[in-house]
Amino acid sequence: MDLNLKGKIAVITGGASGIGAAVGRELLSEGAAIAVCGRNEEKLAAFRNELQGKGAVYTERADVSCEADMRAFAAHVVEKFGRIDIWINNAGIAVNKFFLDFTDEDWDRVMGTNLKGLWNCCRIAAPYMMEQKSGVFINISSYAAKIPHAEGAVYAASKAAVSSLTKSLAADLAPYHIRVLGVIPGMIQSEIARKSIEENGAKYVRDIAMKRLGLPEDLAKPIAFLCSDAAGYMSGFDVEITGGKFAAQNTDWPWTRIGAAYPSNR
């Protein structure tokens, strides 16, 4: 399917590795120009070098928790490319502790990136899209927004708020032909989940109907579709890309019944 993304300008926060990088590669392959920000200049440089000669790529060191950084970044993207068509709020952090052990600094750090940072990015990018009367926001949420996990209260609360915000913004921005969608990834093999997967990977796989962990690339094509006009009547809800995580209470039974081995986690 031709997604007709050629010439579109896509911004990806936290886009130099993991899910963000996979989505960036996919959008670039579909003909979009990508602008990526992050806090680690080395990762940004490595990503930029990897994609050299494959399309229009702009990177800038900017922290989504700093409003001034993001205002400057958005302005630089518009200066370079002339517009912003797609904004993917991918940057996020997680801190896991017993709830009484969380400090005010932990709360501020997680909420500052996952929620306030996303809120500020939407407020910064929306006026550009409103002026051109078109645009798409993709907010990367989390399965924790649906089912929180123990010792992750602040992260889960931030992502539940992101899912709610997605719906409100979709309604507010609809008159300007701007769509807003959330994406709920399953257990994806990325840096943010690395330690947890090392400790609990087998348990996570047992809860997934497809019986494997996800890869960042498993999200890239679906997100590219959501960014395109082919998804033009989709707005105001979360799309789960989870391999059937918690699709049923007994995801093991069908595999046992047919005597099939679990697929490898690739």
Protein backbone atom coordinates (compact mmCIF):
# COMPACT_ATOMS: atom_id res chain seq x y z
CA MET A 1 0.00 0.00 0.00
CA ASP A 2 1.27 3.45 -0.90
CA LEU A 3 0.73 5.48 2.25
CA ASN A 4 1.28 8.74 0.37
CA LEU A 5 3.70 10.06 2.99
CA LYS A 6 6.13 11.43 0.42
CA GLY A 7 6.96 15.02 1.30
CA LYS A 8 5.41 14.85 4.77
CA ILE A 9 7.41 16.27 7.68
CA ALA A 10 7.42 14.02 10.75
CA VAL A 11 8.78 14.91 14.18
CA ILE A 12 9.72 12.13 16.61
CA THR A 13 10.66 12.87 20.21
CA GLY A 14 13.09 10.43 21.80
CA GLY A 15 13.57 9.10 18.32
CA ALA A 16 17.23 8.08 18.14
CA SER A 17 16.77 4.53 19.43
CA GLY A 18 14.18 1.87 20.15
CA ILE A 19 10.60 2.41 18.99
CA GLY A 20 11.23 6.00 17.89
CA ALA A 21 14.15 5.02 15.67
CA ALA A 22 12.23 2.13 14.09
CA VAL A 23 9.32 4.46 13.29
CA GLY A 24 11.73 7.04 11.89
CA ARG A 25 13.29 4.50 9.54
CA GLU A 26 9.87 3.39 8.35
CA LEU A 27 8.59 6.91 7.71
CA LEU A 28 11.80 7.73 5.87
CA SER A 29 11.34 4.66 3.67
CA GLU A 30 7.83 5.92 2.84
CA GLY A 31 9.27 9.22 1.60
CA ALA A 32 8.71 11.43 4.64
CA ALA A 33 11.35 13.75 6.05
CA ILE A 34 12.04 13.15 9.73
CA ALA A 35 13.14 15.47 12.52
CA VAL A 36 14.31 13.69 15.66
CA CYS A 37 15.13 15.08 19.07
CA GLY A 38 16.60 13.46 22.17
CA ARG A 39 18.83 14.13 25.12
CA ASN A 40 21.83 12.04 24.01
CA GLU A 41 23.90 13.69 21.31
CA GLU A 42 25.92 10.52 20.66
CA LYS A 43 22.77 8.50 19.91
CA LEU A 44 21.45 11.28 17.71
CA ALA A 45 24.71 11.43 15.75
CA ALA A 46 24.82 7.64 15.32
CA PHE A 47 21.21 7.61 14.07
CA ARG A 48 21.86 10.49 11.69
CA ASN A 49 24.97 8.76 10.31
CA GLU A 50 23.09 5.47 9.89
CA LEU A 51 20.48 7.17 7.71
CA GLN A 52 22.86 9.27 5.66
CA GLY A 53 21.83 9.19 2.01
CA LYS A 54 18.47 7.54 2.75
CA GLY A 55 16.37 10.69 2.95
CA ALA A 56 15.95 14.03 4.70
CA VAL A 57 16.92 13.72 8.36
CA TYR A 58 17.32 16.46 10.94
CA THR A 59 18.38 15.85 14.53
CA GLU A 60 18.68 18.17 17.49
CA ARG A 61 19.53 17.72 21.13
CA ALA A 62 16.42 18.76 23.07
CA ASP A 63 14.72 17.59 26.27
CA VAL A 64 10.93 17.25 26.10
CA SER A 65 10.67 18.20 29.77
CA CYS A 66 12.11 21.62 28.89
CA GLU A 67 9.51 23.78 27.14
CA ALA A 68 12.13 26.21 25.83
CA ASP A 69 14.04 23.33 24.21
CA MET A 70 10.95 22.09 22.45
CA ARG A 71 9.82 25.52 21.25
CA ALA A 72 13.24 26.06 19.74
CA PHE A 73 13.28 22.57 18.19
CA ALA A 74 9.84 23.01 16.59
CA ALA A 75 10.85 26.41 15.22
CA HIS A 76 14.03 24.93 13.75
CA VAL A 77 12.05 22.12 12.09
CA VAL A 78 9.73 24.65 10.46
CA GLU A 79 12.67 26.80 9.41
CA LYS A 80 14.28 23.79 7.72
CA PHE A 81 11.26 22.02 6.24
CA GLY A 82 8.54 24.69 6.15
CA ARG A 83 5.87 22.80 8.09
CA ILE A 84 5.07 20.01 10.56
CA ASP A 85 2.65 17.31 9.37
CA ILE A 86 3.18 14.57 11.94
CA TRP A 87 4.29 14.78 15.56
CA ILE A 88 5.05 11.54 17.39
CA ASN A 89 5.34 11.91 21.17
CA ASN A 90 7.59 8.94 21.86
CA ALA A 91 9.97 10.16 24.59
CA GLY A 92 9.32 8.56 27.95
CA ILE A 93 10.97 7.35 31.14
CA ALA A 94 10.05 4.84 33.85
CA VAL A 95 10.96 4.59 37.52
CA ASN A 96 9.92 1.49 39.49
CA LYS A 97 9.68 1.57 43.28
CA PHE A 98 7.34 0.74 46.13
CA PHE A 99 4.95 3.70 46.17
CA LEU A 100 6.12 5.03 49.55
CA ASP A 101 9.69 5.12 48.28
CA PHE A 102 8.92 7.51 45.43
CA THR A 103 10.32 10.98 46.04
CA ASP A 104 8.91 14.27 44.83
CA GLU A 105 11.84 14.37 42.45
CA ASP A 106 10.84 10.98 41.00
CA TRP A 107 7.28 12.21 40.50
CA ASP A 108 8.41 15.44 38.85
CA ARG A 109 10.88 13.66 36.59
CA VAL A 110 8.46 11.02 35.31
CA MET A 111 5.49 13.36 34.97
CA GLY A 112 7.70 16.09 33.52
CA THR A 113 8.73 13.85 30.63
CA ASN A 114 5.78 11.52 30.10
CA LEU A 115 2.90 13.93 30.66
CA LYS A 116 3.90 17.57 30.90
CA GLY A 117 6.49 17.13 28.18
CA LEU A 118 3.90 15.60 25.87
CA TRP A 119 1.38 18.31 26.82
CA ASN A 120 3.87 21.04 25.98
CA CYS A 121 4.83 19.39 22.68
CA CYS A 122 1.19 19.25 21.61
CA ARG A 123 0.65 22.90 22.55
CA ILE A 124 3.79 23.89 20.67
CA ALA A 125 3.11 21.89 17.50
CA ALA A 126 -0.67 22.37 17.29
CA PRO A 127 -0.62 26.03 16.13
CA TYR A 128 1.56 25.09 13.14
CA MET A 129 -0.90 22.35 12.18
CA MET A 130 -3.94 24.53 12.85
CA GLU A 131 -2.64 27.17 10.47
CA GLN A 132 -2.28 24.62 7.66
CA LYS A 133 -5.54 22.85 8.72
CA SER A 134 -4.01 19.39 8.77
CA GLY A 135 -1.84 17.22 10.94
CA VAL A 136 -1.49 14.08 13.02
CA PHE A 137 -0.36 13.53 16.59
CA ILE A 138 0.64 10.04 17.71
CA ASN A 139 1.03 9.69 21.48
CA ILE A 140 2.91 6.62 22.65
CA SER A 141 1.13 5.40 25.76
CA SER A 142 1.66 2.08 27.56
CA TYR A 143 -0.18 -1.06 28.55
CA ALA A 144 0.24 0.31 32.08
CA ALA A 145 -2.45 2.83 31.13
CA LYS A 146 -4.87 -0.12 30.92
CA ILE A 147 -3.51 -2.40 33.64
CA PRO A 148 -1.07 -0.70 36.04
CA HIS A 149 1.79 -2.72 37.48
CA ALA A 150 2.98 -2.93 41.07
CA GLU A 151 5.90 -0.63 41.92
CA GLY A 152 5.19 1.50 38.87
CA ALA A 153 2.48 3.81 40.19
CA VAL A 154 3.87 7.06 38.83
CA TYR A 155 4.65 5.69 35.37
CA ALA A 156 1.22 4.07 35.08
CA ALA A 157 -0.52 7.25 36.22
CA SER A 158 1.39 9.31 33.66
CA LYS A 159 0.46 6.96 30.81
CA ALA A 160 -3.20 6.75 31.85
CA ALA A 161 -3.24 10.53 31.67
CA VAL A 162 -1.68 10.39 28.19
CA SER A 163 -4.45 8.07 27.00
CA SER A 164 -7.09 10.42 28.40
CA LEU A 165 -5.40 13.47 26.92
CA THR A 166 -5.38 11.81 23.50
CA LYS A 167 -9.18 11.74 23.51
CA SER A 168 -9.59 15.34 24.65
CA LEU A 169 -7.13 16.69 22.10
CA ALA A 170 -8.75 14.69 19.31
CA ALA A 171 -12.02 16.48 19.99
CA ASP A 172 -10.46 19.93 20.40
CA LEU A 173 -8.42 19.68 17.21
CA ALA A 174 -10.92 17.94 14.93
CA PRO A 175 -12.28 21.23 13.47
CA TYR A 176 -8.76 21.91 12.18
CA HIS A 177 -8.57 18.49 10.46
CA ILE A 178 -5.97 17.32 12.96
CA ARG A 179 -6.14 13.73 14.15
CA VAL A 180 -4.84 12.53 17.53
CA LEU A 181 -4.21 8.87 18.24
CA GLY A 182 -2.55 6.90 21.00
CA VAL A 183 -0.51 3.74 20.62
CA ILE A 184 -0.27 1.13 23.37
CA PRO A 185 2.76 -1.09 22.76
CA GLY A 186 2.99 -4.55 24.23
CA MET A 187 6.17 -5.80 25.86
CA ILE A 188 8.70 -4.49 23.37
CA GLN A 189 12.39 -5.33 23.41
CA SER A 190 13.68 -1.82 23.92
CA GLU A 191 16.03 -0.09 26.33
CA ILE A 192 13.29 1.09 28.68
CA ALA A 193 12.15 -2.52 29.18
CA ARG A 194 15.53 -4.26 29.03
CA LYS A 195 16.03 -4.91 32.75
CA SER A 196 12.44 -5.97 33.28
CA ILE A 197 12.59 -8.39 30.35
CA GLU A 198 15.83 -9.89 31.65
CA GLU A 199 14.17 -10.59 34.99
CA ASN A 200 10.64 -11.52 33.86
CA GLY A 201 10.75 -12.30 30.15
CA ALA A 202 9.29 -15.81 30.40
CA LYS A 203 6.33 -14.56 32.42
CA TYR A 204 5.64 -11.78 29.94
CA VAL A 205 5.61 -14.25 27.04
CA ARG A 206 3.10 -16.48 28.86
CA ASP A 207 0.62 -13.56 28.91
CA ILE A 208 0.91 -12.87 25.15
CA ALA A 209 -1.32 -14.79 22.75
CA MET A 210 1.31 -14.76 19.98
CA LYS A 211 3.89 -16.06 22.48
CA ARG A 212 6.74 -13.74 21.69
CA LEU A 213 8.01 -10.38 22.80
CA GLY A 214 7.64 -7.51 20.37
CA LEU A 215 10.34 -5.69 18.46
CA PRO A 216 10.40 -1.96 17.77
CA GLU A 217 9.88 -2.82 14.10
CA ASP A 218 6.55 -4.46 14.99
CA LEU A 219 5.24 -0.99 15.77
CA ALA A 220 6.82 0.88 12.88
CA LYS A 221 4.52 -0.09 10.00
CA PRO A 222 1.27 0.23 12.00
CA ILE A 223 2.31 3.68 13.21
CA ALA A 224 3.24 4.73 9.68
CA PHE A 225 -0.26 3.66 8.61
CA LEU A 226 -1.84 5.70 11.43
CA CYS A 227 0.12 8.74 10.24
CA SER A 228 -1.24 8.41 6.72
CA ASP A 229 -4.45 9.50 5.02
CA ALA A 230 -5.39 5.82 4.83
CA ALA A 231 -6.26 6.19 8.52
CA GLY A 232 -8.03 9.48 7.89
CA TYR A 233 -11.19 8.56 9.84
CA MET A 234 -9.29 7.31 12.89
CA SER A 235 -8.91 9.66 15.83
CA GLY A 236 -9.44 9.85 19.57
CA PHE A 237 -8.50 6.39 20.81
CA ASP A 238 -5.58 4.09 21.59
CA VAL A 239 -4.44 1.42 19.16
CA GLU A 240 -3.02 -1.66 20.88
CA ILE A 241 -0.01 -3.31 19.21
CA THR A 242 0.63 -6.06 21.72
CA GLY A 243 0.63 -9.49 20.08
CA GLY A 244 -2.60 -10.23 21.94
CA LYS A 245 -1.33 -9.44 25.42
CA PHE A 246 -4.02 -10.46 27.94
CA ALA A 247 -6.40 -11.18 25.04
CA ALA A 248 -7.63 -14.05 27.19
CA GLN A 249 -6.94 -15.42 30.66
CA ASN A 250 -5.55 -18.66 29.26
CA THR A 251 -3.37 -17.79 26.28
CA ASP A 252 -1.34 -21.01 26.82
CA TRP A 253 -4.23 -23.40 26.15
CA PRO A 254 -4.44 -23.13 22.34
CA TRP A 255 -0.70 -23.79 22.03
CA THR A 256 -0.95 -26.81 24.31
CA ARG A 257 -4.00 -28.16 22.47
CA ILE A 258 -2.26 -28.29 19.10
CA GLY A 259 1.11 -29.26 20.55
CA ALA A 260 2.85 -26.24 19.04
CA ALA A 261 6.11 -24.86 20.35
CA TYR A 262 6.30 -21.18 21.16
CA PRO A 263 7.98 -19.15 18.40
CA SER A 264 11.38 -17.71 19.14
CA ASN A 265 11.52 -14.13 20.39
CA ARG A 266 13.75 -13.27 17.41
